[in-house]
Amino acid sequence: MTLGLALHTHAKVSGVSGVRILKVVDDDEQAELGLSAHWRARPIAGGLVAGNGEEIVLGDLRDPTVVAPGDVIRVREGSSLVSVVWRRAARTNALFTTERCNSLCLMCSQPPRDGNDDWRVAELLQTIDLIDRDEVQLGVTGGEPTLLGDGLSRVLARCGEVLPETHLHVLTNGRTFRDPAAAADWRRAGGDRTTWAVPLYADVPDIHDAVVAAPGAFDETLDGLYELARLGARVEIRVVLHAMTIPRLPQLAAYIYRRLPFVEHIALMGLEPMGLAKGNRDRLWIDPVDYQAELRSAVHHLANRGMTVSIYNLPLCVLPRSLWPFARQSISEWKNRYPDECVPCVVKDHCAGFFASAGPAWRSRAVRPLQFEELSDGLA
């Protein structure tokens, strides 16, 4: 199996007090940034860790491939854990804002935890300051990021100051945007460079509310979406595809076109078998090959009416050829896997592949390597 690159490793850490957010640089970059006068650094596998006015040393990395020059890492006094919080070579990077959430989605891959974690804001601000200025896009995720309140505004505003050319993609359930004052504050802080990605799981309240386990969430989400539209914000709709959302997927597509014409993008997303999804498998699992009729209907309904739609997290071998133009390589590198049977596939380099958590029980019976002969014959 082809494995993605991990976000964590262990090392011998010295010279650290408290929790530190650090930039890894090589010799050339250290000189280019002029760190020699104010920073001290020691070589680690493939790079240097710089600490302002102090010498921080990482040695004997368990997996030296995890940390590379340009990365931003997190280390803690008394701990051997080294975490990459931003990776220069990654296609997708995200700022994790909070573990709190006001929904409890049945398929949540990051189950929420109660408790005040506003302390994350300070670390996020430090991280932003160290991110390469040419970063194209940066995700903002949680939990529910808006539960940080003014902290989220501070994070978004700092991105605008330090990374003015970076597009921000904020994953939010949208419910708190029904508060006009709060919505206006977040919209102002995010500016036109920010897209707000909001899930909507059905065109009727009972299904959406059941999926997110929050009575009244459907109406709150719509109120939030309309407030975002009123503020001129950029909005994306996300739909996770599973047994509870598939039956009314064509109706939801029609609803989005009719009631939410202001959205810039609709993402129809394969299920990630992680977190709460594992315990709710009996309620959620449907083989993707068995919902292609509904998916095809929804995609073409939206695309034929000029709306931008994408398919995330589904391998090409389970999709009819008519849907391939909409399929994206959407799975974050550190979560992305290709099982051994994918090795001879001729479209592997263009395929989303699988989540690392998707064992055989979570893979479609239609998964197989595709060959040039069947593609040319139009059989895929």
Protein backbone atom coordinates (compact mmCIF):
# COMPACT_ATOMS: atom_id res chain seq x y z
CA MET A 1 0.00 0.00 0.00
CA THR A 2 1.24 3.49 -0.87
CA LEU A 3 1.28 5.59 2.31
CA GLY A 4 0.97 9.32 2.84
CA LEU A 5 3.41 11.34 4.91
CA ALA A 6 2.68 11.52 8.64
CA LEU A 7 2.22 14.77 10.54
CA HIS A 8 3.96 13.61 13.71
CA THR A 9 7.18 11.94 14.76
CA HIS A 10 9.33 11.74 17.89
CA ALA A 11 12.81 13.10 18.58
CA LYS A 12 15.20 14.09 21.33
CA VAL A 13 14.22 17.69 22.05
CA SER A 14 16.38 20.09 24.05
CA GLY A 15 16.44 23.83 24.62
CA VAL A 16 12.66 24.21 24.63
CA SER A 17 10.71 26.05 27.31
CA GLY A 18 6.93 25.73 27.25
CA VAL A 19 5.33 25.18 23.85
CA ARG A 20 7.11 26.54 20.78
CA ILE A 21 6.02 27.05 17.17
CA LEU A 22 9.16 26.96 15.01
CA LYS A 23 10.23 27.27 11.39
CA VAL A 24 12.60 24.69 9.90
CA VAL A 25 15.20 26.22 7.59
CA ASP A 26 18.24 24.99 5.72
CA ASP A 27 21.58 26.85 5.53
CA ASP A 28 20.64 28.84 2.42
CA GLU A 29 17.32 30.01 3.81
CA GLN A 30 18.86 30.88 7.14
CA ALA A 31 21.24 33.24 5.39
CA GLU A 32 18.53 34.59 3.09
CA LEU A 33 16.26 35.43 6.02
CA GLY A 34 19.12 37.03 7.94
CA LEU A 35 18.54 34.79 10.93
CA SER A 36 22.19 34.67 11.99
CA ALA A 37 22.02 37.91 13.96
CA HIS A 38 18.92 37.10 15.97
CA TRP A 39 18.40 33.38 15.71
CA ARG A 40 20.50 30.36 16.55
CA ALA A 41 20.01 27.05 14.80
CA ARG A 42 21.25 23.50 14.78
CA PRO A 43 21.06 21.03 11.89
CA ILE A 44 18.50 18.27 12.04
CA ALA A 45 17.81 15.63 9.40
CA GLY A 46 17.51 17.72 6.23
CA GLY A 47 17.21 21.13 7.88
CA LEU A 48 17.59 23.49 10.82
CA VAL A 49 15.27 24.48 13.62
CA ALA A 50 15.52 28.16 14.48
CA GLY A 51 14.54 29.61 17.83
CA ASN A 52 14.50 33.34 18.56
CA GLY A 53 17.45 34.10 20.79
CA GLU A 54 17.90 30.49 21.87
CA GLU A 55 19.27 27.24 20.60
CA ILE A 56 16.74 24.45 20.13
CA VAL A 57 18.03 21.07 19.11
CA LEU A 58 16.11 18.12 17.70
CA GLY A 59 18.05 14.90 17.36
CA ASP A 60 17.46 11.27 16.45
CA LEU A 61 14.16 11.84 14.64
CA ARG A 62 12.29 8.55 14.58
CA ASP A 63 11.12 9.32 11.03
CA PRO A 64 13.35 11.98 9.43
CA THR A 65 11.07 12.25 6.38
CA VAL A 66 8.31 13.88 8.45
CA VAL A 67 10.15 17.19 8.96
CA ALA A 68 11.68 19.10 6.04
CA PRO A 69 13.10 22.58 5.46
CA GLY A 70 10.33 25.15 5.25
CA ASP A 71 7.95 23.30 7.55
CA VAL A 72 6.45 24.86 10.66
CA ILE A 73 6.53 22.57 13.67
CA ARG A 74 5.23 22.43 17.23
CA VAL A 75 7.37 21.15 20.12
CA ARG A 76 6.76 21.11 23.86
CA GLU A 77 9.09 21.15 26.83
CA GLY A 78 9.44 17.67 28.31
CA SER A 79 7.89 15.93 25.31
CA SER A 80 9.49 14.03 22.44
CA LEU A 81 6.56 14.69 20.09
CA VAL A 82 7.28 16.82 17.01
CA SER A 83 4.15 17.90 15.10
CA VAL A 84 4.09 19.51 11.66
CA VAL A 85 1.45 22.27 11.71
CA TRP A 86 2.24 23.55 8.21
CA ARG A 87 4.12 21.71 5.47
CA ARG A 88 5.82 23.54 2.63
CA ALA A 89 5.54 20.63 0.19
CA ALA A 90 1.88 19.86 0.94
CA ARG A 91 -0.91 20.53 -1.51
CA THR A 92 -3.32 21.14 1.36
CA ASN A 93 -2.61 22.77 4.72
CA ALA A 94 -5.07 23.79 7.41
CA LEU A 95 -5.16 25.71 10.69
CA PHE A 96 -6.94 23.68 13.39
CA THR A 97 -8.91 26.18 15.47
CA THR A 98 -10.89 24.31 18.14
CA GLU A 99 -12.19 20.90 19.18
CA ARG A 100 -15.55 22.37 20.23
CA CYS A 101 -18.65 22.10 18.05
CA ASN A 102 -22.37 22.85 18.33
CA SER A 103 -23.28 19.89 16.12
CA LEU A 104 -22.54 16.18 16.49
CA CYS A 105 -22.55 14.87 12.92
CA LEU A 106 -22.95 11.12 12.67
CA MET A 107 -19.94 10.88 10.35
CA CYS A 108 -17.71 13.46 12.08
CA SER A 109 -14.07 12.55 11.52
CA GLN A 110 -12.95 14.84 14.37
CA PRO A 111 -15.37 14.16 17.25
CA PRO A 112 -15.82 17.35 19.28
CA ARG A 113 -14.67 17.86 22.85
CA ASP A 114 -16.01 20.38 25.32
CA GLY A 115 -13.70 22.74 27.15
CA ASN A 116 -12.19 26.13 26.52
CA ASP A 117 -9.34 25.90 24.04
CA ASP A 118 -9.00 29.59 23.23
CA TRP A 119 -5.29 29.11 23.94
CA ARG A 120 -5.04 27.81 20.38
CA VAL A 121 -5.44 31.34 19.04
CA ALA A 122 -1.98 32.42 20.22
CA GLU A 123 -0.38 29.36 18.59
CA LEU A 124 -2.30 29.96 15.37
CA LEU A 125 -1.07 33.54 15.20
CA GLN A 126 2.51 32.33 15.66
CA THR A 127 2.01 29.70 12.96
CA ILE A 128 0.63 32.22 10.48
CA ASP A 129 3.69 34.43 10.96
CA LEU A 130 5.95 31.54 9.86
CA ILE A 131 4.01 30.30 6.82
CA ASP A 132 5.63 30.94 3.44
CA ARG A 133 4.28 34.14 1.90
CA ASP A 134 3.55 32.41 -1.41
CA GLU A 135 1.10 29.90 0.11
CA VAL A 136 -1.80 29.62 -2.36
CA GLN A 137 -4.57 28.31 -0.11
CA LEU A 138 -4.95 27.66 3.58
CA GLY A 139 -7.79 25.79 5.26
CA VAL A 140 -9.34 26.79 8.58
CA THR A 141 -11.06 23.93 10.35
CA GLY A 142 -12.16 22.43 13.68
CA GLY A 143 -14.55 21.60 15.43
CA GLU A 144 -16.58 24.67 14.64
CA PRO A 145 -14.18 27.59 14.04
CA THR A 146 -16.77 30.27 14.79
CA LEU A 147 -16.96 29.10 18.41
CA LEU A 148 -13.66 30.95 18.86
CA GLY A 149 -15.68 34.15 18.49
CA ASP A 150 -13.36 37.13 18.29
CA GLY A 151 -10.43 34.70 18.24
CA LEU A 152 -11.44 33.60 14.75
CA SER A 153 -11.55 37.22 13.62
CA ARG A 154 -8.03 37.69 14.94
CA VAL A 155 -6.79 34.61 13.08
CA LEU A 156 -8.42 35.67 9.81
CA ALA A 157 -7.20 39.23 10.14
CA ARG A 158 -3.62 38.08 10.79
CA CYS A 159 -3.79 35.97 7.63
CA GLY A 160 -4.85 39.08 5.75
CA GLU A 161 -1.90 41.04 7.13
CA VAL A 162 0.80 38.39 6.73
CA LEU A 163 -0.56 36.30 3.84
CA PRO A 164 -2.56 38.79 1.74
CA GLU A 165 -2.39 36.67 -1.42
CA THR A 166 -3.44 33.42 0.29
CA HIS A 167 -6.99 32.19 -0.24
CA LEU A 168 -8.67 31.02 2.98
CA HIS A 169 -11.13 28.13 3.03
CA VAL A 170 -13.10 27.99 6.29
CA LEU A 171 -15.06 24.84 7.16
CA THR A 172 -18.07 25.87 9.26
CA ASN A 173 -21.57 24.51 9.85
CA GLY A 174 -22.84 28.03 9.27
CA ARG A 175 -25.28 28.04 12.16
CA THR A 176 -23.68 30.91 14.10
CA PHE A 177 -23.83 33.21 11.08
CA ARG A 178 -27.49 33.80 11.84
CA ASP A 179 -26.16 36.41 14.29
CA PRO A 180 -25.75 39.45 12.00
CA ALA A 181 -23.17 41.21 14.19
CA ALA A 182 -20.93 38.17 14.54
CA ALA A 183 -21.32 37.32 10.85
CA ALA A 184 -20.33 40.83 9.84
CA ASP A 185 -17.23 40.69 12.05
CA TRP A 186 -16.04 37.36 10.60
CA ARG A 187 -16.85 38.47 7.06
CA ARG A 188 -14.89 41.68 7.53
CA ALA A 189 -11.90 39.83 8.99
CA GLY A 190 -11.92 37.20 6.25
CA GLY A 191 -12.47 39.62 3.39
CA ASP A 192 -12.98 38.61 -0.22
CA ARG A 193 -10.11 36.12 -0.06
CA THR A 194 -12.17 33.79 2.17
CA THR A 195 -14.61 31.07 1.13
CA TRP A 196 -17.03 29.78 3.77
CA ALA A 197 -17.70 26.05 3.21
CA VAL A 198 -21.02 25.07 4.79
CA PRO A 199 -22.57 21.55 4.85
CA LEU A 200 -26.17 21.01 3.83
CA TYR A 201 -27.29 17.40 3.90
CA ALA A 202 -30.85 17.49 2.61
CA ASP A 203 -33.56 19.73 1.26
CA VAL A 204 -35.79 18.92 4.24
CA PRO A 205 -35.16 19.65 7.94
CA ASP A 206 -35.68 16.20 9.41
CA ILE A 207 -32.86 14.55 7.45
CA HIS A 208 -30.34 17.36 7.88
CA ASP A 209 -31.08 17.67 11.61
CA ALA A 210 -30.77 13.90 12.07
CA VAL A 211 -27.40 13.82 10.32
CA VAL A 212 -25.96 16.63 12.46
CA ALA A 213 -27.82 15.47 15.62
CA ALA A 214 -29.01 19.00 16.35
CA PRO A 215 -32.74 19.85 16.22
CA GLY A 216 -33.34 23.11 14.40
CA ALA A 217 -29.95 23.05 12.67
CA PHE A 218 -31.47 23.09 9.17
CA ASP A 219 -33.23 26.41 9.76
CA GLU A 220 -30.21 27.88 11.54
CA THR A 221 -27.93 26.82 8.68
CA LEU A 222 -30.18 28.42 6.09
CA ASP A 223 -30.39 31.62 8.14
CA GLY A 224 -26.59 31.62 8.30
CA LEU A 225 -26.25 31.02 4.57
CA TYR A 226 -28.61 33.86 3.73
CA GLU A 227 -26.73 36.19 6.09
CA LEU A 228 -23.48 35.27 4.36
CA ALA A 229 -25.14 35.99 1.01
CA ARG A 230 -26.42 39.34 2.28
CA LEU A 231 -22.87 40.25 3.29
CA GLY A 232 -21.54 39.32 -0.15
CA ALA A 233 -19.41 36.48 1.19
CA ARG A 234 -18.10 33.65 -0.96
CA VAL A 235 -19.96 30.44 -0.10
CA GLU A 236 -19.46 26.75 -0.86
CA ILE A 237 -21.98 24.01 -0.08
CA ARG A 238 -20.65 20.60 1.03
CA VAL A 239 -22.63 17.36 1.00
CA VAL A 240 -21.23 14.16 2.48
CA LEU A 241 -22.57 11.17 0.56
CA HIS A 242 -23.91 8.29 2.64
CA ALA A 243 -27.05 6.24 3.16
CA MET A 244 -28.95 9.09 4.85
CA THR A 245 -28.16 11.78 2.27
CA ILE A 246 -28.24 9.80 -0.98
CA PRO A 247 -32.04 9.19 -1.27
CA ARG A 248 -32.81 12.91 -1.63
CA LEU A 249 -29.57 13.99 -3.31
CA PRO A 250 -31.29 14.89 -6.63
CA GLN A 251 -33.89 16.93 -4.73
CA LEU A 252 -31.13 18.65 -2.76
CA ALA A 253 -29.38 19.60 -6.00
CA ALA A 254 -32.60 21.16 -7.27
CA TYR A 255 -33.06 22.95 -3.95
CA ILE A 256 -29.54 24.41 -4.05
CA TYR A 257 -30.08 25.76 -7.56
CA ARG A 258 -33.48 27.18 -6.70
CA ARG A 259 -32.91 28.51 -3.16
CA LEU A 260 -29.14 29.08 -2.94
CA PRO A 261 -28.14 30.44 -6.36
CA PHE A 262 -25.41 32.60 -4.79
CA VAL A 263 -23.10 29.70 -3.90
CA GLU A 264 -19.85 29.55 -5.85
CA HIS A 265 -19.20 25.83 -5.56
CA ILE A 266 -20.89 22.59 -4.53
CA ALA A 267 -18.70 19.72 -3.27
CA LEU A 268 -20.25 16.23 -3.19
CA MET A 269 -18.01 14.22 -0.91
CA GLY A 270 -17.35 10.54 -0.35
CA LEU A 271 -17.53 9.40 3.26
CA GLU A 272 -14.38 9.39 5.42
CA PRO A 273 -14.51 6.28 7.64
CA MET A 274 -13.02 7.94 10.68
CA GLY A 275 -14.20 9.13 14.09
CA LEU A 276 -17.95 8.80 14.64
CA ALA A 277 -18.50 7.30 11.19
CA LYS A 278 -17.01 4.00 12.36
CA GLY A 279 -19.58 3.57 15.12
CA ASN A 280 -22.42 4.62 12.81
CA ARG A 281 -21.46 2.41 9.87
CA ASP A 282 -24.78 0.55 9.82
CA ARG A 283 -26.64 3.84 9.40
CA LEU A 284 -24.23 5.40 6.92
CA TRP A 285 -22.53 2.89 4.68
CA ILE A 286 -23.65 2.50 1.09
CA ASP A 287 -21.33 1.20 -1.60
CA PRO A 288 -20.56 4.20 -3.85
CA VAL A 289 -21.20 2.10 -6.94
CA ASP A 290 -24.81 1.77 -5.76
CA TYR A 291 -25.53 5.50 -5.69
CA GLN A 292 -24.13 6.54 -9.05
CA ALA A 293 -27.58 7.21 -10.53
CA GLU A 294 -28.39 9.73 -7.78
CA LEU A 295 -24.91 11.26 -7.99
CA ARG A 296 -25.05 11.57 -11.76
CA SER A 297 -28.49 13.19 -11.56
CA ALA A 298 -27.36 15.75 -8.97
CA VAL A 299 -24.09 16.63 -10.71
CA HIS A 300 -25.62 17.13 -14.13
CA HIS A 301 -28.60 19.03 -12.74
CA LEU A 302 -26.24 21.57 -11.19
CA ALA A 303 -23.62 21.66 -13.96
CA ASN A 304 -26.22 22.01 -16.73
CA ARG A 305 -27.53 25.12 -14.96
CA GLY A 306 -24.14 26.77 -14.76
CA MET A 307 -23.22 25.92 -11.19
CA THR A 308 -19.70 24.74 -10.34
CA VAL A 309 -19.76 21.25 -8.85
CA SER A 310 -17.02 18.80 -7.82
CA ILE A 311 -16.85 15.21 -6.61
CA TYR A 312 -14.45 14.65 -3.71
CA ASN A 313 -12.97 11.53 -2.11
CA LEU A 314 -14.18 8.94 -4.65
CA PRO A 315 -11.84 6.86 -6.84
CA LEU A 316 -12.32 7.06 -10.58
CA CYS A 317 -13.01 3.35 -10.94
CA VAL A 318 -16.37 3.65 -9.14
CA LEU A 319 -17.52 6.63 -11.22
CA PRO A 320 -19.06 6.53 -14.70
CA ARG A 321 -16.92 8.24 -17.31
CA SER A 322 -19.41 11.10 -17.58
CA LEU A 323 -18.52 12.12 -14.00
CA TRP A 324 -14.74 11.98 -14.35
CA PRO A 325 -14.44 15.67 -15.33
CA PHE A 326 -15.96 16.56 -11.94
CA ALA A 327 -13.72 14.29 -9.81
CA ARG A 328 -10.94 15.92 -7.80
CA GLN A 329 -7.82 14.71 -5.97
CA SER A 330 -9.24 16.02 -2.74
CA ILE A 331 -7.85 13.90 0.10
CA SER A 332 -5.12 15.58 2.17
CA GLU A 333 -1.71 14.03 1.56
CA TRP A 334 -1.28 12.79 5.12
CA LYS A 335 -4.61 10.94 4.92
CA ASN A 336 -4.24 9.66 1.35
CA ARG A 337 -3.62 6.00 0.51
CA TYR A 338 -3.62 3.75 -2.55
CA PRO A 339 -4.08 0.00 -1.91
CA ASP A 340 -1.84 -2.46 -3.68
CA GLU A 341 -4.45 -3.26 -6.33
CA CYS A 342 -4.16 0.34 -7.55
CA VAL A 343 -0.48 0.01 -8.53
CA PRO A 344 -1.08 -1.06 -12.17
CA CYS A 345 -3.96 1.39 -12.70
CA VAL A 346 -3.26 3.75 -15.60
CA VAL A 347 -5.26 6.63 -14.09
CA LYS A 348 -3.85 6.34 -10.55
CA ASP A 349 -1.96 9.63 -10.81
CA HIS A 350 -5.24 11.43 -11.53
CA CYS A 351 -7.35 9.60 -8.95
CA ALA A 352 -8.39 10.71 -5.46
CA GLY A 353 -7.43 7.33 -4.04
CA PHE A 354 -8.64 6.43 -0.54
CA PHE A 355 -8.59 7.64 3.04
CA ALA A 356 -6.02 5.88 5.20
CA SER A 357 -8.89 4.75 7.42
CA ALA A 358 -10.73 3.07 4.52
CA GLY A 359 -9.98 -0.61 5.04
CA PRO A 360 -11.49 -3.33 2.84
CA ALA A 361 -14.88 -3.09 4.58
CA TRP A 362 -15.14 0.56 3.50
CA ARG A 363 -14.13 0.09 -0.13
CA SER A 364 -16.49 -0.35 -3.03
CA ARG A 365 -16.77 -3.73 -4.70
CA ALA A 366 -16.13 -1.84 -7.94
CA VAL A 367 -12.54 -0.88 -7.02
CA ARG A 368 -10.10 -2.22 -9.61
CA PRO A 369 -7.11 -1.08 -11.68
CA LEU A 370 -8.12 0.45 -15.01
CA GLN A 371 -6.21 -0.31 -18.22
CA PHE A 372 -5.75 1.64 -21.44
CA GLU A 373 -7.66 -0.93 -23.47
CA GLU A 374 -10.94 -0.52 -21.61
CA LEU A 375 -10.59 3.25 -21.51
CA SER A 376 -10.21 3.41 -25.26
CA ASP A 377 -13.15 1.05 -25.64
CA GLY A 378 -15.30 3.27 -23.43
CA LEU A 379 -16.02 0.46 -20.97
CA ALA A 380 -15.01 2.23 -17.74
